[in-house]
Amino acid sequence: MKRIAAAVALVLAVPAIAQMPTPVPAEAPADPNAIPLYPDMKAPKGSTENWVRFGKDLAVRNVTVPTITPVLPDPAKATGAAVVVAPGGAFMLLAMDHEGWSVARWLADHGIAAFVLKYRLNQTPADIGEASAYMGKRMAESLRDPTAAPGITEPRATLDSLAALKLVRAGAGKWGVDPQRVGMIGFSAGAMTVLNAALEGKGSDRPSFIGYVYGPMLAREVPADAPPMFAAIANDDSLFPNPSYGLVESWRRAHAPVELHAYERGDHGFGTGKPGTTTMGVLPQFQAWLDMRGLLNAKVAQ
């Protein structure tokens, strides 16, 4: 039962089931800076995004036209590094506030250009009650076997992440970023999307580095030229229990750079940090890791 409850918590993009506010329908926020990944793509006839609010946090379902939204640093402290931010939500929802815009604002405040990715999702019922029941059921079925990869996937999310990287690199001069230092950070399903971009992208199309935050830790085939990975997860993650850190070991066996932060407590979905736990250090530690690797040192020539 705890695992099923945690599955519902993931879908609803909140850290703990006991703290889960009731979702209510919400208006789509104004996002004038959003850039379509595919300018000629139109939403299927009759489809519409469904926005909901969990307390103060906005989330969206039924995304069919993907976008990125730039969140840029003050030019005086810009480092030239850029990060595409991929929120999670079981490929049926995107936690745009909790794991998207809040992350991007933190990065921009620390000199890192951020681009929030709103990627395509599995379709869910438009009615919020029907959608909650549907998503909870699918998640519970998807996670019955903790030794297997989650059963819910979305290949279009991987395509969208690679398209976002291409778009950011193409606009590097406009945004003051170095195309050689464009990476990604993702949370839960967003982490899975980021991982797929790193493993399926070819050559310079893949991310320069990745942040993999509370994604499944199952082993994968990893090439020797895989990008550096920063991985973070709580040891009490109730959605993705960790009998081992197989993914980190896969990176190590490939002799690819990897750093792991395994927090004692924090559960699943801690976002930028769960107060009272050391998960509050996740973004500062990600920044320190980027700095250690020399990714924040050089500014782009203007």
C-alpha atoms as a PDB file:
ATOM      1  CA  MET A   1       0.000   0.000   0.000  1.00  0.00           C
ATOM      2  CA  LYS A   2       2.843   2.400   0.751  1.00  0.00           C
ATOM      3  CA  ARG A   3       4.198   1.901  -2.762  1.00  0.00           C
ATOM      4  CA  ILE A   4       0.780   2.590  -4.310  1.00  0.00           C
ATOM      5  CA  ALA A   5       0.420   5.725  -2.199  1.00  0.00           C
ATOM      6  CA  ALA A   6       3.885   6.811  -3.293  1.00  0.00           C
ATOM      7  CA  ALA A   7       2.888   6.199  -6.897  1.00  0.00           C
ATOM      8  CA  VAL A   8      -0.037   8.571  -6.508  1.00  0.00           C
ATOM      9  CA  ALA A   9       2.281  11.081  -4.822  1.00  0.00           C
ATOM     10  CA  LEU A  10       4.642  11.006  -7.797  1.00  0.00           C
ATOM     11  CA  VAL A  11       1.843  11.541 -10.286  1.00  0.00           C
ATOM     12  CA  LEU A  12       0.625  14.490  -8.263  1.00  0.00           C
ATOM     13  CA  ALA A  13       4.152  15.884  -8.054  1.00  0.00           C
ATOM     14  CA  VAL A  14       4.398  16.419  -4.304  1.00  0.00           C
ATOM     15  CA  PRO A  15       7.014  15.202  -1.847  1.00  0.00           C
ATOM     16  CA  ALA A  16       4.820  13.205   0.530  1.00  0.00           C
ATOM     17  CA  ILE A  17       1.327  11.776   0.355  1.00  0.00           C
ATOM     18  CA  ALA A  18       0.494  13.148   3.814  1.00  0.00           C
ATOM     19  CA  GLN A  19       1.195  16.672   2.564  1.00  0.00           C
ATOM     20  CA  MET A  20      -0.730  16.311  -0.691  1.00  0.00           C
ATOM     21  CA  PRO A  21      -3.182  19.177  -1.243  1.00  0.00           C
ATOM     22  CA  THR A  22      -6.320  18.570  -3.276  1.00  0.00           C
ATOM     23  CA  PRO A  23      -5.705  19.412  -6.940  1.00  0.00           C
ATOM     24  CA  VAL A  24      -7.923  22.081  -8.439  1.00  0.00           C
ATOM     25  CA  PRO A  25      -8.256  23.199 -12.065  1.00  0.00           C
ATOM     26  CA  ALA A  26      -6.196  26.269 -12.946  1.00  0.00           C
ATOM     27  CA  GLU A  27      -5.822  28.700 -15.799  1.00  0.00           C
ATOM     28  CA  ALA A  28      -2.780  28.318 -18.006  1.00  0.00           C
ATOM     29  CA  PRO A  29      -0.171  30.831 -16.822  1.00  0.00           C
ATOM     30  CA  ALA A  30       1.047  33.567 -19.119  1.00  0.00           C
ATOM     31  CA  ASP A  31       4.332  32.419 -20.628  1.00  0.00           C
ATOM     32  CA  PRO A  32       5.218  34.993 -23.284  1.00  0.00           C
ATOM     33  CA  ASN A  33       8.825  33.818 -23.482  1.00  0.00           C
ATOM     34  CA  ALA A  34       7.946  30.205 -24.319  1.00  0.00           C
ATOM     35  CA  ILE A  35       9.495  29.038 -27.586  1.00  0.00           C
ATOM     36  CA  PRO A  36       7.924  26.160 -29.573  1.00  0.00           C
ATOM     37  CA  LEU A  37      10.403  23.353 -30.230  1.00  0.00           C
ATOM     38  CA  TYR A  38       8.763  22.667 -33.579  1.00  0.00           C
ATOM     39  CA  PRO A  39       7.364  25.923 -35.014  1.00  0.00           C
ATOM     40  CA  ASP A  40       5.107  24.154 -37.514  1.00  0.00           C
ATOM     41  CA  MET A  41       3.590  21.716 -35.010  1.00  0.00           C
ATOM     42  CA  LYS A  42      -0.102  22.213 -34.209  1.00  0.00           C
ATOM     43  CA  ALA A  43      -2.095  20.693 -31.374  1.00  0.00           C
ATOM     44  CA  PRO A  44      -4.297  17.785 -32.497  1.00  0.00           C
ATOM     45  CA  LYS A  45      -7.876  18.819 -33.180  1.00  0.00           C
ATOM     46  CA  GLY A  46      -9.913  18.954 -29.997  1.00  0.00           C
ATOM     47  CA  SER A  47      -6.947  18.595 -27.650  1.00  0.00           C
ATOM     48  CA  THR A  48      -6.076  21.092 -24.954  1.00  0.00           C
ATOM     49  CA  GLU A  49      -3.608  21.301 -22.096  1.00  0.00           C
ATOM     50  CA  ASN A  50      -5.085  20.824 -18.638  1.00  0.00           C
ATOM     51  CA  TRP A  51      -3.506  22.926 -15.884  1.00  0.00           C
ATOM     52  CA  VAL A  52      -4.003  22.136 -12.198  1.00  0.00           C
ATOM     53  CA  ARG A  53      -2.813  23.645  -8.960  1.00  0.00           C
ATOM     54  CA  PHE A  54      -1.590  21.734  -5.897  1.00  0.00           C
ATOM     55  CA  GLY A  55      -1.572  24.383  -3.208  1.00  0.00           C
ATOM     56  CA  LYS A  56       0.698  27.050  -4.698  1.00  0.00           C
ATOM     57  CA  ASP A  57       2.281  24.789  -7.327  1.00  0.00           C
ATOM     58  CA  LEU A  58       1.125  24.590 -10.935  1.00  0.00           C
ATOM     59  CA  ALA A  59       1.285  21.439 -13.038  1.00  0.00           C
ATOM     60  CA  VAL A  60       0.111  20.593 -16.543  1.00  0.00           C
ATOM     61  CA  ARG A  61      -1.303  17.526 -18.286  1.00  0.00           C
ATOM     62  CA  ASN A  62      -1.963  16.603 -21.919  1.00  0.00           C
ATOM     63  CA  VAL A  63       0.941  18.538 -23.432  1.00  0.00           C
ATOM     64  CA  THR A  64       0.968  18.042 -27.213  1.00  0.00           C
ATOM     65  CA  VAL A  65       2.995  21.085 -28.368  1.00  0.00           C
ATOM     66  CA  PRO A  66       6.369  21.160 -26.563  1.00  0.00           C
ATOM     67  CA  THR A  67       8.188  24.371 -25.659  1.00  0.00           C
ATOM     68  CA  ILE A  68      11.191  25.717 -23.792  1.00  0.00           C
ATOM     69  CA  THR A  69      11.144  28.855 -21.672  1.00  0.00           C
ATOM     70  CA  PRO A  70      14.455  30.698 -21.113  1.00  0.00           C
ATOM     71  CA  VAL A  71      15.227  31.889 -17.584  1.00  0.00           C
ATOM     72  CA  LEU A  72      18.432  33.873 -17.956  1.00  0.00           C
ATOM     73  CA  PRO A  73      20.949  35.169 -15.414  1.00  0.00           C
ATOM     74  CA  ASP A  74      22.069  38.736 -14.930  1.00  0.00           C
ATOM     75  CA  PRO A  75      24.726  39.186 -17.659  1.00  0.00           C
ATOM     76  CA  ALA A  76      27.103  40.521 -15.005  1.00  0.00           C
ATOM     77  CA  LYS A  77      27.276  37.120 -13.318  1.00  0.00           C
ATOM     78  CA  ALA A  78      26.539  34.790 -16.236  1.00  0.00           C
ATOM     79  CA  THR A  79      28.957  31.865 -16.435  1.00  0.00           C
ATOM     80  CA  GLY A  80      28.146  30.823 -20.003  1.00  0.00           C
ATOM     81  CA  ALA A  81      26.834  27.448 -18.845  1.00  0.00           C
ATOM     82  CA  ALA A  82      23.273  26.424 -19.714  1.00  0.00           C
ATOM     83  CA  VAL A  83      20.934  23.768 -18.328  1.00  0.00           C
ATOM     84  CA  VAL A  84      17.704  22.434 -19.833  1.00  0.00           C
ATOM     85  CA  VAL A  85      15.367  21.630 -16.908  1.00  0.00           C
ATOM     86  CA  ALA A  86      13.024  18.632 -17.297  1.00  0.00           C
ATOM     87  CA  PRO A  87      10.245  18.397 -14.677  1.00  0.00           C
ATOM     88  CA  GLY A  88       8.768  15.035 -13.721  1.00  0.00           C
ATOM     89  CA  GLY A  89       5.281  13.603 -13.327  1.00  0.00           C
ATOM     90  CA  ALA A  90       5.220   9.988 -14.574  1.00  0.00           C
ATOM     91  CA  PHE A  91       5.010  11.059 -18.233  1.00  0.00           C
ATOM     92  CA  MET A  92       1.378  12.015 -17.554  1.00  0.00           C
ATOM     93  CA  LEU A  93       1.899  15.361 -15.843  1.00  0.00           C
ATOM     94  CA  LEU A  94       4.641  17.992 -15.533  1.00  0.00           C
ATOM     95  CA  ALA A  95       5.368  19.578 -12.144  1.00  0.00           C
ATOM     96  CA  MET A  96       6.133  22.941 -13.723  1.00  0.00           C
ATOM     97  CA  ASP A  97       6.544  24.895 -10.467  1.00  0.00           C
ATOM     98  CA  HIS A  98       7.966  22.225  -8.171  1.00  0.00           C
ATOM     99  CA  GLU A  99      10.571  20.784 -10.561  1.00  0.00           C
ATOM    100  CA  GLY A 100      10.704  23.329 -13.374  1.00  0.00           C
ATOM    101  CA  TRP A 101      10.473  27.075 -12.873  1.00  0.00           C
ATOM    102  CA  SER A 102      11.733  27.017  -9.262  1.00  0.00           C
ATOM    103  CA  VAL A 103      14.816  25.072 -10.363  1.00  0.00           C
ATOM    104  CA  ALA A 104      15.386  27.398 -13.313  1.00  0.00           C
ATOM    105  CA  ARG A 105      15.161  30.523 -11.160  1.00  0.00           C
ATOM    106  CA  TRP A 106      17.717  29.101  -8.717  1.00  0.00           C
ATOM    107  CA  LEU A 107      20.127  28.293 -11.528  1.00  0.00           C
ATOM    108  CA  ALA A 108      19.717  31.730 -13.128  1.00  0.00           C
ATOM    109  CA  ASP A 109      20.286  33.403  -9.759  1.00  0.00           C
ATOM    110  CA  HIS A 110      23.624  31.578  -9.655  1.00  0.00           C
ATOM    111  CA  GLY A 111      24.782  32.585 -13.130  1.00  0.00           C
ATOM    112  CA  ILE A 112      23.550  29.536 -15.083  1.00  0.00           C
ATOM    113  CA  ALA A 113      21.172  30.036 -18.014  1.00  0.00           C
ATOM    114  CA  ALA A 114      18.160  27.747 -17.604  1.00  0.00           C
ATOM    115  CA  PHE A 115      15.564  26.576 -20.110  1.00  0.00           C
ATOM    116  CA  VAL A 116      12.410  24.923 -18.759  1.00  0.00           C
ATOM    117  CA  LEU A 117      11.293  22.095 -21.020  1.00  0.00           C
ATOM    118  CA  LYS A 118       7.581  21.382 -21.389  1.00  0.00           C
ATOM    119  CA  TYR A 119       7.689  18.047 -23.197  1.00  0.00           C
ATOM    120  CA  ARG A 120       4.959  15.872 -24.692  1.00  0.00           C
ATOM    121  CA  LEU A 121       3.069  13.484 -22.416  1.00  0.00           C
ATOM    122  CA  ASN A 122       0.829  10.433 -22.359  1.00  0.00           C
ATOM    123  CA  GLN A 123      -2.787  11.523 -22.673  1.00  0.00           C
ATOM    124  CA  THR A 124      -5.042  11.495 -19.596  1.00  0.00           C
ATOM    125  CA  PRO A 125      -8.774  12.229 -19.124  1.00  0.00           C
ATOM    126  CA  ALA A 126      -9.625  15.922 -19.146  1.00  0.00           C
ATOM    127  CA  ASP A 127     -11.716  15.667 -15.962  1.00  0.00           C
ATOM    128  CA  ILE A 128      -9.457  16.138 -12.943  1.00  0.00           C
ATOM    129  CA  GLY A 129     -11.108  13.409 -10.842  1.00  0.00           C
ATOM    130  CA  GLU A 130     -11.030  10.867 -13.652  1.00  0.00           C
ATOM    131  CA  ALA A 131      -7.440  11.824 -14.434  1.00  0.00           C
ATOM    132  CA  SER A 132      -6.283  11.330 -10.837  1.00  0.00           C
ATOM    133  CA  ALA A 133      -7.846   7.874 -10.684  1.00  0.00           C
ATOM    134  CA  TYR A 134      -6.451   6.932 -14.095  1.00  0.00           C
ATOM    135  CA  MET A 135      -2.926   8.119 -13.315  1.00  0.00           C
ATOM    136  CA  GLY A 136      -2.839   6.459  -9.905  1.00  0.00           C
ATOM    137  CA  LYS A 137      -3.950   3.146 -11.406  1.00  0.00           C
ATOM    138  CA  ARG A 138      -1.390   3.293 -14.198  1.00  0.00           C
ATOM    139  CA  MET A 139       1.405   4.173 -11.786  1.00  0.00           C
ATOM    140  CA  ALA A 140       0.512   1.367  -9.390  1.00  0.00           C
ATOM    141  CA  GLU A 141       0.549  -1.131 -12.266  1.00  0.00           C
ATOM    142  CA  SER A 142       3.774   0.306 -13.654  1.00  0.00           C
ATOM    143  CA  LEU A 143       5.694  -0.086 -10.385  1.00  0.00           C
ATOM    144  CA  ARG A 144       4.618  -3.567  -9.271  1.00  0.00           C
ATOM    145  CA  ASP A 145       8.123  -4.947  -9.859  1.00  0.00           C
ATOM    146  CA  PRO A 146      10.783  -2.728  -8.212  1.00  0.00           C
ATOM    147  CA  THR A 147      13.549  -4.645 -10.028  1.00  0.00           C
ATOM    148  CA  ALA A 148      12.182  -3.654 -13.452  1.00  0.00           C
ATOM    149  CA  ALA A 149      12.085  -0.310 -15.203  1.00  0.00           C
ATOM    150  CA  PRO A 150       8.821   1.638 -14.785  1.00  0.00           C
ATOM    151  CA  GLY A 151       6.282   0.567 -17.374  1.00  0.00           C
ATOM    152  CA  ILE A 152       5.158   4.067 -18.359  1.00  0.00           C
ATOM    153  CA  THR A 153       7.341   5.582 -21.068  1.00  0.00           C
ATOM    154  CA  GLU A 154       7.142   8.480 -23.511  1.00  0.00           C
ATOM    155  CA  PRO A 155       9.632   8.305 -26.423  1.00  0.00           C
ATOM    156  CA  ARG A 156       8.521  11.756 -27.615  1.00  0.00           C
ATOM    157  CA  ALA A 157       9.909  13.246 -24.394  1.00  0.00           C
ATOM    158  CA  THR A 158      13.379  12.064 -25.415  1.00  0.00           C
ATOM    159  CA  LEU A 159      12.936  13.554 -28.890  1.00  0.00           C
ATOM    160  CA  ASP A 160      11.811  16.825 -27.303  1.00  0.00           C
ATOM    161  CA  SER A 161      14.811  16.939 -24.969  1.00  0.00           C
ATOM    162  CA  LEU A 162      17.224  16.468 -27.872  1.00  0.00           C
ATOM    163  CA  ALA A 163      15.351  19.142 -29.851  1.00  0.00           C
ATOM    164  CA  ALA A 164      15.627  21.499 -26.866  1.00  0.00           C
ATOM    165  CA  LEU A 165      19.386  21.006 -26.684  1.00  0.00           C
ATOM    166  CA  LYS A 166      19.673  21.704 -30.410  1.00  0.00           C
ATOM    167  CA  LEU A 167      17.592  24.872 -30.078  1.00  0.00           C
ATOM    168  CA  VAL A 168      19.615  26.199 -27.130  1.00  0.00           C
ATOM    169  CA  ARG A 169      22.886  25.568 -28.942  1.00  0.00           C
ATOM    170  CA  ALA A 170      21.572  27.233 -32.086  1.00  0.00           C
ATOM    171  CA  GLY A 171      20.689  30.332 -30.045  1.00  0.00           C
ATOM    172  CA  ALA A 172      23.831  30.276 -27.920  1.00  0.00           C
ATOM    173  CA  GLY A 173      25.034  33.684 -29.101  1.00  0.00           C
ATOM    174  CA  LYS A 174      21.674  35.313 -28.449  1.00  0.00           C
ATOM    175  CA  TRP A 175      21.470  33.874 -24.934  1.00  0.00           C
ATOM    176  CA  GLY A 176      25.142  34.294 -24.017  1.00  0.00           C
ATOM    177  CA  VAL A 177      25.896  30.618 -23.523  1.00  0.00           C
ATOM    178  CA  ASP A 178      28.682  28.326 -24.640  1.00  0.00           C
ATOM    179  CA  PRO A 179      27.288  25.588 -26.933  1.00  0.00           C
ATOM    180  CA  GLN A 180      29.923  23.217 -25.513  1.00  0.00           C
ATOM    181  CA  ARG A 181      28.472  23.673 -22.004  1.00  0.00           C
ATOM    182  CA  VAL A 182      24.769  22.934 -22.503  1.00  0.00           C
ATOM    183  CA  GLY A 183      23.550  20.202 -20.174  1.00  0.00           C
ATOM    184  CA  MET A 184      20.336  18.977 -18.587  1.00  0.00           C
ATOM    185  CA  ILE A 185      18.852  18.311 -15.174  1.00  0.00           C
ATOM    186  CA  GLY A 186      15.731  16.210 -14.685  1.00  0.00           C
ATOM    187  CA  PHE A 187      13.565  14.996 -11.829  1.00  0.00           C
ATOM    188  CA  SER A 188      11.887  11.561 -11.677  1.00  0.00           C
ATOM    189  CA  ALA A 189      10.346  11.035 -15.140  1.00  0.00           C
ATOM    190  CA  GLY A 190      12.306  14.116 -16.175  1.00  0.00           C
ATOM    191  CA  ALA A 191      15.463  12.361 -14.950  1.00  0.00           C
ATOM    192  CA  MET A 192      14.547   9.365 -17.111  1.00  0.00           C
ATOM    193  CA  THR A 193      14.122  11.720 -20.069  1.00  0.00           C
ATOM    194  CA  VAL A 194      17.514  13.309 -19.419  1.00  0.00           C
ATOM    195  CA  LEU A 195      19.141   9.876 -19.137  1.00  0.00           C
ATOM    196  CA  ASN A 196      17.630   8.777 -22.444  1.00  0.00           C
ATOM    197  CA  ALA A 197      18.915  11.951 -24.100  1.00  0.00           C
ATOM    198  CA  ALA A 198      22.411  11.174 -22.796  1.00  0.00           C
ATOM    199  CA  LEU A 199      22.338   7.547 -23.935  1.00  0.00           C
ATOM    200  CA  GLU A 200      20.403   7.876 -27.190  1.00  0.00           C
ATOM    201  CA  GLY A 201      21.752  11.211 -28.432  1.00  0.00           C
ATOM    202  CA  LYS A 202      24.569  11.004 -30.938  1.00  0.00           C
ATOM    203  CA  GLY A 203      27.853  12.862 -30.547  1.00  0.00           C
ATOM    204  CA  SER A 204      27.424  16.609 -30.149  1.00  0.00           C
ATOM    205  CA  ASP A 205      23.619  16.272 -30.097  1.00  0.00           C
ATOM    206  CA  ARG A 206      23.625  14.836 -26.577  1.00  0.00           C
ATOM    207  CA  PRO A 207      23.814  16.916 -23.380  1.00  0.00           C
ATOM    208  CA  SER A 208      27.275  18.068 -22.287  1.00  0.00           C
ATOM    209  CA  PHE A 209      26.457  16.859 -18.736  1.00  0.00           C
ATOM    210  CA  ILE A 210      23.402  15.657 -16.851  1.00  0.00           C
ATOM    211  CA  GLY A 211      21.818  16.001 -13.431  1.00  0.00           C
ATOM    212  CA  TYR A 212      19.813  12.870 -12.607  1.00  0.00           C
ATOM    213  CA  VAL A 213      17.584  13.539  -9.593  1.00  0.00           C
ATOM    214  CA  TYR A 214      15.509  10.744  -8.003  1.00  0.00           C
ATOM    215  CA  GLY A 215      15.244   8.643 -11.132  1.00  0.00           C
ATOM    216  CA  PRO A 216      15.360   4.820 -11.092  1.00  0.00           C
ATOM    217  CA  MET A 217      18.810   3.510 -10.191  1.00  0.00           C
ATOM    218  CA  LEU A 218      18.648   0.394 -12.370  1.00  0.00           C
ATOM    219  CA  ALA A 219      21.745  -0.550 -14.369  1.00  0.00           C
ATOM    220  CA  ARG A 220      21.949   0.475 -18.028  1.00  0.00           C
ATOM    221  CA  GLU A 221      24.339  -0.057 -20.910  1.00  0.00           C
ATOM    222  CA  VAL A 222      26.559   3.036 -20.878  1.00  0.00           C
ATOM    223  CA  PRO A 223      29.072   4.001 -23.594  1.00  0.00           C
ATOM    224  CA  ALA A 224      32.578   5.103 -22.658  1.00  0.00           C
ATOM    225  CA  ASP A 225      31.891   8.584 -24.040  1.00  0.00           C
ATOM    226  CA  ALA A 226      28.762   9.118 -21.918  1.00  0.00           C
ATOM    227  CA  PRO A 227      28.508  12.663 -20.559  1.00  0.00           C
ATOM    228  CA  PRO A 228      29.385  13.339 -16.901  1.00  0.00           C
ATOM    229  CA  MET A 229      26.501  12.569 -14.547  1.00  0.00           C
ATOM    230  CA  PHE A 230      25.503  14.079 -11.189  1.00  0.00           C
ATOM    231  CA  ALA A 231      23.056  11.689  -9.502  1.00  0.00           C
ATOM    232  CA  ALA A 232      20.985  12.422  -6.403  1.00  0.00           C
ATOM    233  CA  ILE A 233      18.387  10.337  -4.575  1.00  0.00           C
ATOM    234  CA  ALA A 234      17.083   9.809  -1.043  1.00  0.00           C
ATOM    235  CA  ASN A 235      17.771   6.417   0.528  1.00  0.00           C
ATOM    236  CA  ASP A 236      14.172   6.318   1.784  1.00  0.00           C
ATOM    237  CA  ASP A 237      12.723   6.930  -1.700  1.00  0.00           C
ATOM    238  CA  SER A 238       9.407   5.078  -1.485  1.00  0.00           C
ATOM    239  CA  LEU A 239       8.828   5.056  -5.225  1.00  0.00           C
ATOM    240  CA  PHE A 240      12.201   3.809  -6.455  1.00  0.00           C
ATOM    241  CA  PRO A 241      13.672   1.652  -3.645  1.00  0.00           C
ATOM    242  CA  ASN A 242      17.430   1.288  -4.036  1.00  0.00           C
ATOM    243  CA  PRO A 243      18.808  -2.174  -3.291  1.00  0.00           C
ATOM    244  CA  SER A 244      21.864  -0.922  -5.174  1.00  0.00           C
ATOM    245  CA  TYR A 245      23.035   2.028  -7.230  1.00  0.00           C
ATOM    246  CA  GLY A 246      23.213   0.075 -10.466  1.00  0.00           C
ATOM    247  CA  LEU A 247      23.089   3.104 -12.743  1.00  0.00           C
ATOM    248  CA  VAL A 248      26.042   4.723 -10.988  1.00  0.00           C
ATOM    249  CA  GLU A 249      27.966   1.460 -11.236  1.00  0.00           C
ATOM    250  CA  SER A 250      27.144   1.340 -14.959  1.00  0.00           C
ATOM    251  CA  TRP A 251      28.749   4.788 -15.355  1.00  0.00           C
ATOM    252  CA  ARG A 252      31.770   3.647 -13.350  1.00  0.00           C
ATOM    253  CA  ARG A 253      32.225   0.479 -15.410  1.00  0.00           C
ATOM    254  CA  ALA A 254      32.190   2.633 -18.549  1.00  0.00           C
ATOM    255  CA  HIS A 255      34.874   4.853 -16.939  1.00  0.00           C
ATOM    256  CA  ALA A 256      32.557   7.829 -17.459  1.00  0.00           C
ATOM    257  CA  PRO A 257      32.558  10.618 -14.835  1.00  0.00           C
ATOM    258  CA  VAL A 258      29.851  10.274 -12.178  1.00  0.00           C
ATOM    259  CA  GLU A 259      29.064  11.709  -8.740  1.00  0.00           C
ATOM    260  CA  LEU A 260      26.403  10.287  -6.402  1.00  0.00           C
ATOM    261  CA  HIS A 261      24.576  12.029  -3.541  1.00  0.00           C
ATOM    262  CA  ALA A 262      22.552   9.484  -1.552  1.00  0.00           C
ATOM    263  CA  TYR A 263      20.649  11.377   1.125  1.00  0.00           C
ATOM    264  CA  GLU A 264      19.557   9.604   4.302  1.00  0.00           C
ATOM    265  CA  ARG A 265      16.040  11.061   4.140  1.00  0.00           C
ATOM    266  CA  GLY A 266      13.913  13.026   1.706  1.00  0.00           C
ATOM    267  CA  ASP A 267      11.613  10.434   0.103  1.00  0.00           C
ATOM    268  CA  HIS A 268      10.559  10.939  -3.507  1.00  0.00           C
ATOM    269  CA  GLY A 269       9.851  14.281  -5.118  1.00  0.00           C
ATOM    270  CA  PHE A 270      11.882  16.578  -2.892  1.00  0.00           C
ATOM    271  CA  GLY A 271      12.446  19.030  -5.762  1.00  0.00           C
ATOM    272  CA  THR A 272      14.854  21.777  -4.746  1.00  0.00           C
ATOM    273  CA  GLY A 273      14.988  20.256  -1.254  1.00  0.00           C
ATOM    274  CA  LYS A 274      12.764  18.985   1.543  1.00  0.00           C
ATOM    275  CA  PRO A 275      13.123  21.232   4.621  1.00  0.00           C
ATOM    276  CA  GLY A 276      14.752  19.520   7.558  1.00  0.00           C
ATOM    277  CA  THR A 277      16.770  17.141   5.381  1.00  0.00           C
ATOM    278  CA  THR A 278      20.112  17.326   3.598  1.00  0.00           C
ATOM    279  CA  THR A 279      18.286  17.232   0.265  1.00  0.00           C
ATOM    280  CA  MET A 280      18.237  21.025   0.664  1.00  0.00           C
ATOM    281  CA  GLY A 281      21.788  20.847  -0.693  1.00  0.00           C
ATOM    282  CA  VAL A 282      20.912  19.272  -4.025  1.00  0.00           C
ATOM    283  CA  LEU A 283      21.164  22.392  -6.215  1.00  0.00           C
ATOM    284  CA  PRO A 284      24.169  23.910  -4.398  1.00  0.00           C
ATOM    285  CA  GLN A 285      25.914  20.535  -4.757  1.00  0.00           C
ATOM    286  CA  PHE A 286      25.012  20.345  -8.441  1.00  0.00           C
ATOM    287  CA  GLN A 287      26.463  23.833  -8.891  1.00  0.00           C
ATOM    288  CA  ALA A 288      29.627  22.867  -6.967  1.00  0.00           C
ATOM    289  CA  TRP A 289      30.000  19.795  -9.158  1.00  0.00           C
ATOM    290  CA  LEU A 290      29.705  21.897 -12.314  1.00  0.00           C
ATOM    291  CA  ASP A 291      32.299  24.271 -10.890  1.00  0.00           C
ATOM    292  CA  MET A 292      34.656  21.414 -10.005  1.00  0.00           C
ATOM    293  CA  ARG A 293      34.450  20.187 -13.586  1.00  0.00           C
ATOM    294  CA  GLY A 294      35.367  23.655 -14.885  1.00  0.00           C
ATOM    295  CA  LEU A 295      31.964  24.221 -16.468  1.00  0.00           C
ATOM    296  CA  LEU A 296      31.349  27.539 -14.709  1.00  0.00           C
ATOM    297  CA  ASN A 297      34.766  29.129 -15.085  1.00  0.00           C
ATOM    298  CA  ALA A 298      34.912  30.544 -18.589  1.00  0.00           C
ATOM    299  CA  LYS A 299      32.586  33.251 -19.829  1.00  0.00           C
ATOM    300  CA  VAL A 300      31.470  33.445 -23.422  1.00  0.00           C
ATOM    301  CA  ALA A 301      33.217  36.063 -25.494  1.00  0.00           C
ATOM    302  CA  GLN A 302      30.763  38.769 -26.547  1.00  0.00           C
END
